[in-house]
Amino acid sequence: MLKIYQKLTKATTSLQFFTTRQWKFNTNNMMELYQKLSVEDQKLFNFNIKDVNWPNYIGKYCLGMRKYVLKEDISTLPAARKHMRK
């Protein structure tokens, strides 16, 4: 139980700065740049946020958090998923 508590404390401390503030991102310049690109360049340099596969992105984001922030081995993921289903 202590190990779980330590991991939760570490995760909370690591993410506190980002989760306790309001963030606003202005994308006007990016959208203007994208619209000025030719059709070929838009296909080559696709950075249109509307094309992001959000479920896939969030899944990879969570795996990255688990691996790089919590320093957990990804090989334990199947066991963790099984435990969560109980």
N, C-alpha and C. Protein backbone atom coordinates (compact mmCIF):
# COMPACT_ATOMS: atom_id res chain seq x y z
N MET A 1 0.82 -1.19 0.00
CA MET A 1 0.00 0.00 0.00
C MET A 1 0.87 1.26 0.00
N LEU A 2 1.99 1.21 0.71
CA LEU A 2 2.89 2.36 0.78
C LEU A 2 3.45 2.68 -0.60
N LYS A 3 3.77 1.64 -1.38
CA LYS A 3 4.32 1.85 -2.71
C LYS A 3 3.32 2.58 -3.62
N ILE A 4 2.06 2.19 -3.53
CA ILE A 4 1.01 2.84 -4.32
C ILE A 4 0.86 4.30 -3.90
N TYR A 5 0.88 4.54 -2.61
CA TYR A 5 0.77 5.91 -2.09
C TYR A 5 1.94 6.76 -2.58
N GLN A 6 3.14 6.20 -2.57
CA GLN A 6 4.32 6.95 -3.03
C GLN A 6 4.20 7.29 -4.52
N LYS A 7 3.70 6.36 -5.32
CA LYS A 7 3.53 6.62 -6.75
C LYS A 7 2.48 7.71 -6.98
N LEU A 8 1.38 7.64 -6.24
CA LEU A 8 0.34 8.66 -6.38
C LEU A 8 0.87 10.03 -5.96
N THR A 9 1.62 10.07 -4.89
CA THR A 9 2.20 11.34 -4.44
C THR A 9 3.16 11.89 -5.48
N LYS A 10 3.99 11.04 -6.04
CA LYS A 10 4.93 11.47 -7.07
C LYS A 10 4.20 12.01 -8.30
N ALA A 11 3.16 11.30 -8.73
CA ALA A 11 2.39 11.73 -9.90
C ALA A 11 1.71 13.06 -9.63
N THR A 12 1.11 13.19 -8.47
CA THR A 12 0.41 14.43 -8.12
C THR A 12 1.38 15.60 -8.05
N THR A 13 2.51 15.39 -7.42
CA THR A 13 3.52 16.45 -7.30
C THR A 13 4.07 16.84 -8.67
N SER A 14 4.32 15.86 -9.50
CA SER A 14 4.88 16.13 -10.83
C SER A 14 3.91 16.93 -11.70
N LEU A 15 2.64 16.65 -11.57
CA LEU A 15 1.65 17.25 -12.45
C LEU A 15 0.93 18.45 -11.85
N GLN A 16 1.20 18.76 -10.60
CA GLN A 16 0.47 19.81 -9.91
C GLN A 16 0.52 21.15 -10.64
N PHE A 17 1.68 21.54 -11.12
CA PHE A 17 1.82 22.83 -11.80
C PHE A 17 0.88 22.91 -13.01
N PHE A 18 0.78 21.82 -13.75
CA PHE A 18 0.00 21.82 -14.99
C PHE A 18 -1.49 21.61 -14.76
N THR A 19 -1.84 20.92 -13.70
CA THR A 19 -3.25 20.60 -13.48
C THR A 19 -3.98 21.61 -12.61
N THR A 20 -3.27 22.53 -11.99
CA THR A 20 -3.92 23.50 -11.10
C THR A 20 -3.97 24.90 -11.69
N ARG A 21 -3.64 25.03 -12.95
CA ARG A 21 -3.68 26.33 -13.62
C ARG A 21 -4.58 26.26 -14.85
N GLN A 22 -5.02 27.42 -15.25
CA GLN A 22 -5.80 27.51 -16.48
C GLN A 22 -4.84 27.87 -17.61
N TRP A 23 -4.96 27.16 -18.71
CA TRP A 23 -4.06 27.37 -19.83
C TRP A 23 -4.86 27.80 -21.05
N LYS A 24 -4.40 28.85 -21.73
CA LYS A 24 -5.01 29.30 -22.97
C LYS A 24 -3.94 29.31 -24.05
N PHE A 25 -4.24 28.68 -25.16
CA PHE A 25 -3.32 28.64 -26.28
C PHE A 25 -3.98 29.30 -27.47
N ASN A 26 -3.31 30.26 -28.05
CA ASN A 26 -3.81 30.97 -29.22
C ASN A 26 -3.22 30.31 -30.45
N THR A 27 -4.08 29.89 -31.38
CA THR A 27 -3.62 29.20 -32.58
C THR A 27 -3.80 30.03 -33.84
N ASN A 28 -4.04 31.32 -33.68
CA ASN A 28 -4.30 32.15 -34.85
C ASN A 28 -3.14 32.13 -35.86
N ASN A 29 -1.92 32.27 -35.39
CA ASN A 29 -0.76 32.28 -36.29
C ASN A 29 -0.60 30.94 -37.01
N MET A 30 -0.80 29.85 -36.27
CA MET A 30 -0.67 28.53 -36.87
C MET A 30 -1.74 28.32 -37.96
N MET A 31 -2.97 28.71 -37.66
CA MET A 31 -4.04 28.54 -38.64
C MET A 31 -3.81 29.41 -39.86
N GLU A 32 -3.32 30.62 -39.66
CA GLU A 32 -3.03 31.51 -40.78
C GLU A 32 -1.92 30.93 -41.65
N LEU A 33 -0.89 30.40 -41.03
CA LEU A 33 0.19 29.78 -41.78
C LEU A 33 -0.31 28.58 -42.58
N TYR A 34 -1.12 27.75 -41.95
CA TYR A 34 -1.65 26.56 -42.62
C TYR A 34 -2.48 26.95 -43.84
N GLN A 35 -3.29 27.99 -43.72
CA GLN A 35 -4.13 28.42 -44.83
C GLN A 35 -3.32 29.00 -45.98
N LYS A 36 -2.14 29.53 -45.69
CA LYS A 36 -1.29 30.10 -46.73
C LYS A 36 -0.51 29.04 -47.50
N LEU A 37 -0.45 27.83 -46.98
CA LEU A 37 0.27 26.76 -47.66
C LEU A 37 -0.50 26.29 -48.88
N SER A 38 0.23 25.83 -49.87
CA SER A 38 -0.43 25.22 -51.04
C SER A 38 -1.05 23.89 -50.60
N VAL A 39 -1.93 23.34 -51.43
CA VAL A 39 -2.59 22.07 -51.11
C VAL A 39 -1.55 20.97 -50.94
N GLU A 40 -0.52 20.96 -51.81
CA GLU A 40 0.54 19.95 -51.71
C GLU A 40 1.29 20.08 -50.38
N ASP A 41 1.62 21.33 -50.02
CA ASP A 41 2.34 21.55 -48.76
C ASP A 41 1.46 21.23 -47.54
N GLN A 42 0.16 21.47 -47.65
CA GLN A 42 -0.73 21.12 -46.54
C GLN A 42 -0.73 19.62 -46.32
N LYS A 43 -0.66 18.84 -47.40
CA LYS A 43 -0.61 17.39 -47.26
C LYS A 43 0.75 16.94 -46.71
N LEU A 44 1.82 17.61 -47.15
CA LEU A 44 3.17 17.25 -46.73
C LEU A 44 3.43 17.64 -45.28
N PHE A 45 3.00 18.84 -44.89
CA PHE A 45 3.19 19.35 -43.53
C PHE A 45 1.84 19.48 -42.83
N ASN A 46 1.20 18.36 -42.61
CA ASN A 46 -0.15 18.38 -42.03
C ASN A 46 -0.07 18.63 -40.53
N PHE A 47 -0.36 19.85 -40.14
CA PHE A 47 -0.43 20.17 -38.71
C PHE A 47 -1.78 20.77 -38.36
N ASN A 48 -2.79 20.35 -39.10
CA ASN A 48 -4.16 20.78 -38.83
C ASN A 48 -4.67 20.01 -37.62
N ILE A 49 -4.99 20.71 -36.56
CA ILE A 49 -5.41 20.09 -35.30
C ILE A 49 -6.71 19.30 -35.46
N LYS A 50 -7.49 19.63 -36.47
CA LYS A 50 -8.74 18.91 -36.71
C LYS A 50 -8.50 17.48 -37.18
N ASP A 51 -7.30 17.20 -37.67
CA ASP A 51 -6.97 15.86 -38.17
C ASP A 51 -6.38 14.95 -37.10
N VAL A 52 -6.23 15.44 -35.89
CA VAL A 52 -5.65 14.63 -34.82
C VAL A 52 -6.65 13.55 -34.40
N ASN A 53 -6.15 12.34 -34.30
CA ASN A 53 -6.95 11.22 -33.81
C ASN A 53 -6.86 11.27 -32.28
N TRP A 54 -7.82 11.95 -31.64
CA TRP A 54 -7.73 12.22 -30.21
C TRP A 54 -7.72 10.97 -29.34
N PRO A 55 -8.53 9.96 -29.60
CA PRO A 55 -8.43 8.75 -28.75
C PRO A 55 -7.04 8.11 -28.81
N ASN A 56 -6.44 8.06 -29.98
CA ASN A 56 -5.10 7.51 -30.15
C ASN A 56 -4.07 8.40 -29.42
N TYR A 57 -4.22 9.71 -29.57
CA TYR A 57 -3.30 10.66 -28.93
C TYR A 57 -3.35 10.52 -27.40
N ILE A 58 -4.55 10.47 -26.84
CA ILE A 58 -4.70 10.37 -25.38
C ILE A 58 -4.13 9.04 -24.87
N GLY A 59 -4.34 7.97 -25.63
CA GLY A 59 -3.78 6.68 -25.23
C GLY A 59 -2.27 6.71 -25.15
N LYS A 60 -1.64 7.31 -26.17
CA LYS A 60 -0.18 7.41 -26.17
C LYS A 60 0.31 8.38 -25.10
N TYR A 61 -0.46 9.42 -24.84
CA TYR A 61 -0.13 10.37 -23.78
C TYR A 61 -0.10 9.66 -22.43
N CYS A 62 -1.11 8.83 -22.17
CA CYS A 62 -1.17 8.11 -20.90
C CYS A 62 -0.02 7.11 -20.77
N LEU A 63 0.32 6.44 -21.85
CA LEU A 63 1.46 5.52 -21.81
C LEU A 63 2.76 6.27 -21.53
N GLY A 64 2.92 7.43 -22.14
CA GLY A 64 4.10 8.26 -21.89
C GLY A 64 4.18 8.72 -20.45
N MET A 65 3.03 9.10 -19.89
CA MET A 65 3.00 9.51 -18.48
C MET A 65 3.43 8.34 -17.59
N ARG A 66 2.90 7.18 -17.90
CA ARG A 66 3.22 5.99 -17.10
C ARG A 66 4.70 5.66 -17.17
N LYS A 67 5.28 5.76 -18.37
CA LYS A 67 6.68 5.38 -18.57
C LYS A 67 7.65 6.45 -18.08
N TYR A 68 7.42 7.71 -18.45
CA TYR A 68 8.41 8.75 -18.21
C TYR A 68 8.19 9.56 -16.94
N VAL A 69 6.96 9.70 -16.49
CA VAL A 69 6.70 10.45 -15.26
C VAL A 69 6.68 9.52 -14.06
N LEU A 70 5.91 8.43 -14.18
CA LEU A 70 5.80 7.50 -13.06
C LEU A 70 6.92 6.47 -13.05
N LYS A 71 7.69 6.40 -14.14
CA LYS A 71 8.83 5.47 -14.25
C LYS A 71 8.40 4.02 -14.06
N GLU A 72 7.23 3.68 -14.61
CA GLU A 72 6.73 2.31 -14.51
C GLU A 72 7.08 1.55 -15.78
N ASP A 73 7.33 0.27 -15.62
CA ASP A 73 7.66 -0.59 -16.75
C ASP A 73 6.38 -0.87 -17.54
N ILE A 74 6.43 -0.66 -18.83
CA ILE A 74 5.27 -0.86 -19.69
C ILE A 74 4.84 -2.33 -19.72
N SER A 75 5.77 -3.24 -19.44
CA SER A 75 5.42 -4.66 -19.46
C SER A 75 4.41 -5.02 -18.37
N THR A 76 4.23 -4.15 -17.37
CA THR A 76 3.25 -4.42 -16.32
C THR A 76 1.84 -3.95 -16.70
N LEU A 77 1.70 -3.36 -17.87
CA LEU A 77 0.41 -2.82 -18.29
C LEU A 77 -0.70 -3.86 -18.37
N PRO A 78 -0.49 -5.04 -18.96
CA PRO A 78 -1.58 -6.02 -19.00
C PRO A 78 -2.08 -6.42 -17.60
N ALA A 79 -1.17 -6.58 -16.66
CA ALA A 79 -1.58 -6.94 -15.30
C ALA A 79 -2.36 -5.80 -14.66
N ALA A 80 -1.94 -4.56 -14.91
CA ALA A 80 -2.64 -3.40 -14.36
C ALA A 80 -4.05 -3.30 -14.93
N ARG A 81 -4.19 -3.54 -16.24
CA ARG A 81 -5.51 -3.50 -16.86
C ARG A 81 -6.41 -4.59 -16.28
N LYS A 82 -5.85 -5.77 -16.08
CA LYS A 82 -6.62 -6.88 -15.50
C LYS A 82 -7.07 -6.52 -14.08
N HIS A 83 -6.19 -5.91 -13.33
CA HIS A 83 -6.51 -5.51 -11.96
C HIS A 83 -7.62 -4.44 -11.95
N MET A 84 -7.59 -3.51 -12.91
CA MET A 84 -8.58 -2.44 -12.98
C MET A 84 -9.97 -2.97 -13.33
N ARG A 85 -10.04 -4.06 -14.08
CA ARG A 85 -11.32 -4.64 -14.48
C ARG A 85 -12.04 -5.35 -13.34
N LYS A 86 -11.33 -5.64 -12.27
CA LYS A 86 -11.94 -6.37 -11.13
C LYS A 86 -12.90 -5.50 -10.39
